[in-house]
């Protein structure tokens, strides 16, 4: 018997932890059963707390046997939750039917309302690899996609803000891309305001860089302040 299992007959529980108070101040909400690896952002909107994250309807992660049920339950998709602190209700909505994960944003807006978000688009094959990037415009309810190309797979895209930016999406998306045909990797830089176009820079690496997980951009100025 597996040591862990996904209990699809039990709801998910999300706790809203206040900035001030104690454990009696935590508000608990229930929603349909799901599993979340990675969140994009969360912020307050009046009486509501808004959460954006990539939601899976089931998971077999860390289990010795796959979870029964839906065949595509382990493909994450971007969702939005609204937790109403005034009446204790929660609204859950899918924002895209395409599978994606590793969501990011301009981290200058972490914990605050934002317009744009970015995610790695999953390739339509059983192996969990990513064949492009998705830019979401939450104000318009639209999205744009950057495709890596045939047999080219990338990972999480870190947002690098333009040092003189006035627009939220002014900056670049940076990720490693593995070319399976050439068996080499590249550091790829994409203009976040024009994601459908070709990369603005490609740093060719003469060997493969293994797939990774998370990263962060730290400017030289920020680095010097931390020393």
Protein backbone atom coordinates (compact mmCIF):
# COMPACT_ATOMS: atom_id res chain seq x y z
CA UNK A 1 0.00 0.00 0.00
CA UNK A 2 1.34 3.49 -0.82
CA UNK A 3 2.33 5.65 2.11
CA UNK A 4 0.57 8.63 0.52
CA UNK A 5 -2.59 8.82 -1.55
CA UNK A 6 -4.74 11.45 -3.18
CA UNK A 7 -8.20 11.44 -1.59
CA UNK A 8 -10.43 12.72 -4.36
CA UNK A 9 -13.56 12.41 -2.21
CA UNK A 10 -12.31 15.03 0.25
CA UNK A 11 -12.29 18.77 -0.49
CA UNK A 12 -9.18 20.90 -0.58
CA UNK A 13 -8.74 23.28 2.36
CA UNK A 14 -7.02 26.64 1.99
CA UNK A 15 -6.07 28.73 4.99
CA UNK A 16 -5.88 32.52 4.77
CA UNK A 17 -3.25 33.57 7.32
CA UNK A 18 -3.49 37.21 8.44
CA UNK A 19 -0.42 39.41 8.68
CA UNK A 20 -1.35 40.19 12.28
CA UNK A 21 -3.04 37.98 14.87
CA UNK A 22 -2.68 34.38 15.99
CA UNK A 23 -3.90 30.96 14.87
CA UNK A 24 -7.47 31.86 15.89
CA UNK A 25 -7.44 34.47 13.12
CA UNK A 26 -6.81 31.96 10.30
CA UNK A 27 -9.77 31.65 7.91
CA UNK A 28 -10.33 28.23 6.31
CA UNK A 29 -12.05 27.71 2.96
CA UNK A 30 -13.00 24.50 1.13
CA UNK A 31 -12.95 23.97 -2.64
CA UNK A 32 -13.17 20.96 -4.99
CA UNK A 33 -10.28 18.49 -4.48
CA UNK A 34 -7.07 19.46 -6.24
CA UNK A 35 -3.30 19.61 -5.89
CA UNK A 36 -1.11 22.69 -6.41
CA UNK A 37 2.67 22.68 -6.82
CA UNK A 38 3.27 26.29 -7.85
CA UNK A 39 1.49 29.57 -7.25
CA UNK A 40 1.72 32.69 -9.39
CA UNK A 41 0.60 35.35 -6.89
CA UNK A 42 -1.93 36.23 -4.20
CA UNK A 43 -3.27 39.64 -3.23
CA UNK A 44 -6.14 41.44 -1.52
CA UNK A 45 -9.03 42.88 -3.55
CA UNK A 46 -11.49 44.55 -1.19
CA UNK A 47 -12.99 41.84 1.03
CA UNK A 48 -11.50 39.11 -1.16
CA UNK A 49 -8.13 37.39 -1.28
CA UNK A 50 -7.26 36.43 -4.87
CA UNK A 51 -4.99 33.45 -5.56
CA UNK A 52 -3.60 32.43 -8.95
CA UNK A 53 -1.93 29.04 -9.24
CA UNK A 54 -1.49 26.04 -11.53
CA UNK A 55 -4.06 23.48 -10.40
CA UNK A 56 -4.02 19.71 -10.86
CA UNK A 57 -7.21 17.70 -10.33
CA UNK A 58 -5.18 14.76 -8.93
CA UNK A 59 -1.61 13.68 -8.34
CA UNK A 60 0.50 10.57 -7.81
CA UNK A 61 3.59 12.55 -6.83
CA UNK A 62 5.57 10.91 -4.01
CA UNK A 63 3.32 7.84 -4.24
CA UNK A 64 4.23 4.31 -5.23
CA UNK A 65 1.11 3.93 -7.38
CA UNK A 66 -0.58 6.40 -9.73
CA UNK A 67 -3.79 8.05 -8.57
CA UNK A 68 -6.89 6.42 -10.11
CA UNK A 69 -9.43 8.35 -12.13
CA UNK A 70 -8.84 11.08 -14.69
CA UNK A 71 -6.23 10.35 -17.32
CA UNK A 72 -5.08 13.99 -17.51
CA UNK A 73 -5.59 14.85 -13.84
CA UNK A 74 -1.89 15.46 -13.32
CA UNK A 75 -1.64 18.15 -15.99
CA UNK A 76 -1.64 21.52 -14.25
CA UNK A 77 -3.69 24.43 -15.61
CA UNK A 78 -3.86 28.04 -14.49
CA UNK A 79 -6.75 28.79 -12.12
CA UNK A 80 -7.99 31.74 -10.07
CA UNK A 81 -9.57 31.49 -6.63
CA UNK A 82 -11.43 34.31 -4.87
CA UNK A 83 -11.82 33.88 -1.10
CA UNK A 84 -14.49 36.22 0.27
CA UNK A 85 -13.59 37.10 3.86
CA UNK A 86 -16.95 38.79 4.45
CA UNK A 87 -19.18 35.76 3.84
CA UNK A 88 -16.79 32.78 3.84
CA UNK A 89 -17.42 31.72 0.24
CA UNK A 90 -14.87 30.78 -2.43
CA UNK A 91 -15.07 31.02 -6.22
CA UNK A 92 -12.81 28.89 -8.40
CA UNK A 93 -12.36 29.38 -12.14
CA UNK A 94 -10.11 27.96 -14.85
CA UNK A 95 -8.21 30.61 -16.80
CA UNK A 96 -6.86 28.33 -19.53
CA UNK A 97 -7.50 24.80 -20.79
CA UNK A 98 -3.86 24.40 -21.85
CA UNK A 99 -1.52 22.60 -19.46
CA UNK A 100 1.18 24.79 -17.90
CA UNK A 101 3.23 25.18 -14.74
CA UNK A 102 6.08 27.20 -13.21
CA UNK A 103 4.04 30.45 -13.21
CA UNK A 104 5.89 33.73 -12.61
CA UNK A 105 5.27 37.47 -12.59
CA UNK A 106 7.13 40.74 -12.27
CA UNK A 107 8.15 40.15 -8.68
CA UNK A 108 7.99 43.85 -7.90
CA UNK A 109 4.24 43.18 -7.68
CA UNK A 110 4.43 40.09 -5.49
CA UNK A 111 1.49 40.21 -3.04
CA UNK A 112 -0.18 43.05 -4.96
CA UNK A 113 -2.67 43.29 -7.79
CA UNK A 114 -1.03 42.74 -11.18
CA UNK A 115 -1.99 42.58 -14.84
CA UNK A 116 0.43 40.06 -16.36
CA UNK A 117 1.65 36.57 -15.58
CA UNK A 118 3.86 34.03 -17.35
CA UNK A 119 3.90 30.23 -17.38
CA UNK A 120 5.79 27.38 -19.05
CA UNK A 121 3.52 25.62 -21.57
CA UNK A 122 3.50 21.82 -21.34
CA UNK A 123 4.10 19.83 -24.49
CA UNK A 124 1.23 17.46 -25.47
CA UNK A 125 3.25 14.33 -24.69
CA UNK A 126 3.30 12.04 -21.62
CA UNK A 127 6.72 13.25 -20.44
CA UNK A 128 6.36 16.53 -18.49
CA UNK A 129 8.42 18.87 -20.66
CA UNK A 130 7.68 22.43 -21.77
CA UNK A 131 7.63 23.55 -25.41
CA UNK A 132 6.91 27.24 -24.97
CA UNK A 133 5.95 30.16 -22.75
CA UNK A 134 2.51 31.70 -22.19
CA UNK A 135 2.01 35.37 -21.32
CA UNK A 136 -1.34 36.09 -19.64
CA UNK A 137 -3.05 39.48 -19.69
CA UNK A 138 -5.54 39.24 -16.82
CA UNK A 139 -7.05 42.65 -17.56
CA UNK A 140 -8.08 41.59 -21.07
CA UNK A 141 -8.54 37.89 -20.35
CA UNK A 142 -6.17 37.04 -23.20
CA UNK A 143 -2.84 35.31 -23.73
CA UNK A 144 0.08 35.10 -26.17
CA UNK A 145 2.49 32.22 -26.70
CA UNK A 146 6.18 31.93 -27.47
CA UNK A 147 7.08 28.58 -29.08
CA UNK A 148 10.58 27.19 -28.55
CA UNK A 149 10.53 25.24 -31.81
CA UNK A 150 10.57 21.62 -32.93
CA UNK A 151 12.25 19.26 -30.44
CA UNK A 152 13.18 22.22 -28.25
CA UNK A 153 12.12 22.22 -24.61
CA UNK A 154 12.58 24.78 -21.86
CA UNK A 155 11.65 25.44 -18.28
CA UNK A 156 10.60 28.13 -15.87
CA UNK A 157 10.99 31.64 -17.29
CA UNK A 158 12.36 34.22 -14.86
CA UNK A 159 11.09 37.76 -15.42
CA UNK A 160 13.86 40.38 -15.56
CA UNK A 161 12.45 43.92 -15.24
CA UNK A 162 13.86 46.69 -17.42
CA UNK A 163 15.85 49.01 -15.12
CA UNK A 164 13.97 52.07 -16.42
CA UNK A 165 10.57 50.39 -16.76
CA UNK A 166 7.31 52.23 -16.34
CA UNK A 167 5.15 49.38 -17.66
CA UNK A 168 4.62 46.20 -15.66
CA UNK A 169 5.63 43.93 -18.55
CA UNK A 170 8.68 45.95 -19.63
CA UNK A 171 11.50 43.45 -19.36
CA UNK A 172 12.62 40.02 -20.47
CA UNK A 173 11.83 36.35 -19.87
CA UNK A 174 14.95 34.22 -19.40
CA UNK A 175 15.12 30.42 -19.47
CA UNK A 176 17.29 27.52 -20.61
CA UNK A 177 16.13 25.68 -23.74
CA UNK A 178 17.36 22.19 -24.63
CA UNK A 179 17.57 21.29 -28.31
CA UNK A 180 16.99 17.53 -28.42
CA UNK A 181 18.09 17.28 -32.06
CA UNK A 182 21.44 18.99 -31.44
CA UNK A 183 21.82 17.73 -27.84
CA UNK A 184 22.87 21.23 -26.75
CA UNK A 185 21.31 23.96 -24.63
CA UNK A 186 20.85 27.71 -24.91
CA UNK A 187 20.12 30.56 -22.54
CA UNK A 188 17.16 32.21 -24.28
CA UNK A 189 16.03 35.81 -23.68
CA UNK A 190 12.52 36.80 -24.83
CA UNK A 191 11.07 40.31 -24.93
CA UNK A 192 8.16 40.12 -22.45
CA UNK A 193 6.26 42.81 -24.39
CA UNK A 194 6.56 40.84 -27.65
CA UNK A 195 6.59 37.19 -26.64
CA UNK A 196 5.43 35.87 -30.02
CA UNK A 197 8.60 37.10 -31.71
CA UNK A 198 11.97 35.38 -31.93
CA UNK A 199 14.25 35.67 -28.87
CA UNK A 200 16.19 38.92 -28.60
CA UNK A 201 19.24 36.90 -27.52
CA UNK A 202 20.44 33.29 -27.54
CA UNK A 203 23.53 32.27 -25.60
CA UNK A 204 24.67 28.99 -27.20
CA UNK A 205 26.07 26.49 -24.71
CA UNK A 206 28.23 23.71 -26.21
CA UNK A 207 26.68 20.98 -24.07
CA UNK A 208 23.39 20.11 -22.44
CA UNK A 209 22.15 21.89 -19.32
CA UNK A 210 19.89 19.45 -17.40
CA UNK A 211 16.30 20.54 -16.80
CA UNK A 212 16.02 22.57 -13.61
CA UNK A 213 13.36 24.07 -11.42
CA UNK A 214 13.40 27.54 -9.91
CA UNK A 215 15.55 30.61 -10.31
CA UNK A 216 15.51 34.32 -9.59
CA UNK A 217 17.00 37.41 -11.19
CA UNK A 218 19.22 39.52 -8.95
CA UNK A 219 20.62 42.76 -10.32
CA UNK A 220 24.17 43.88 -9.64
CA UNK A 221 22.78 46.76 -7.57
CA UNK A 222 20.69 44.41 -5.40
CA UNK A 223 23.64 42.07 -5.00
CA UNK A 224 25.94 44.88 -3.85
CA UNK A 225 23.36 46.02 -1.27
CA UNK A 226 23.19 42.54 0.24
CA UNK A 227 26.93 42.20 0.80
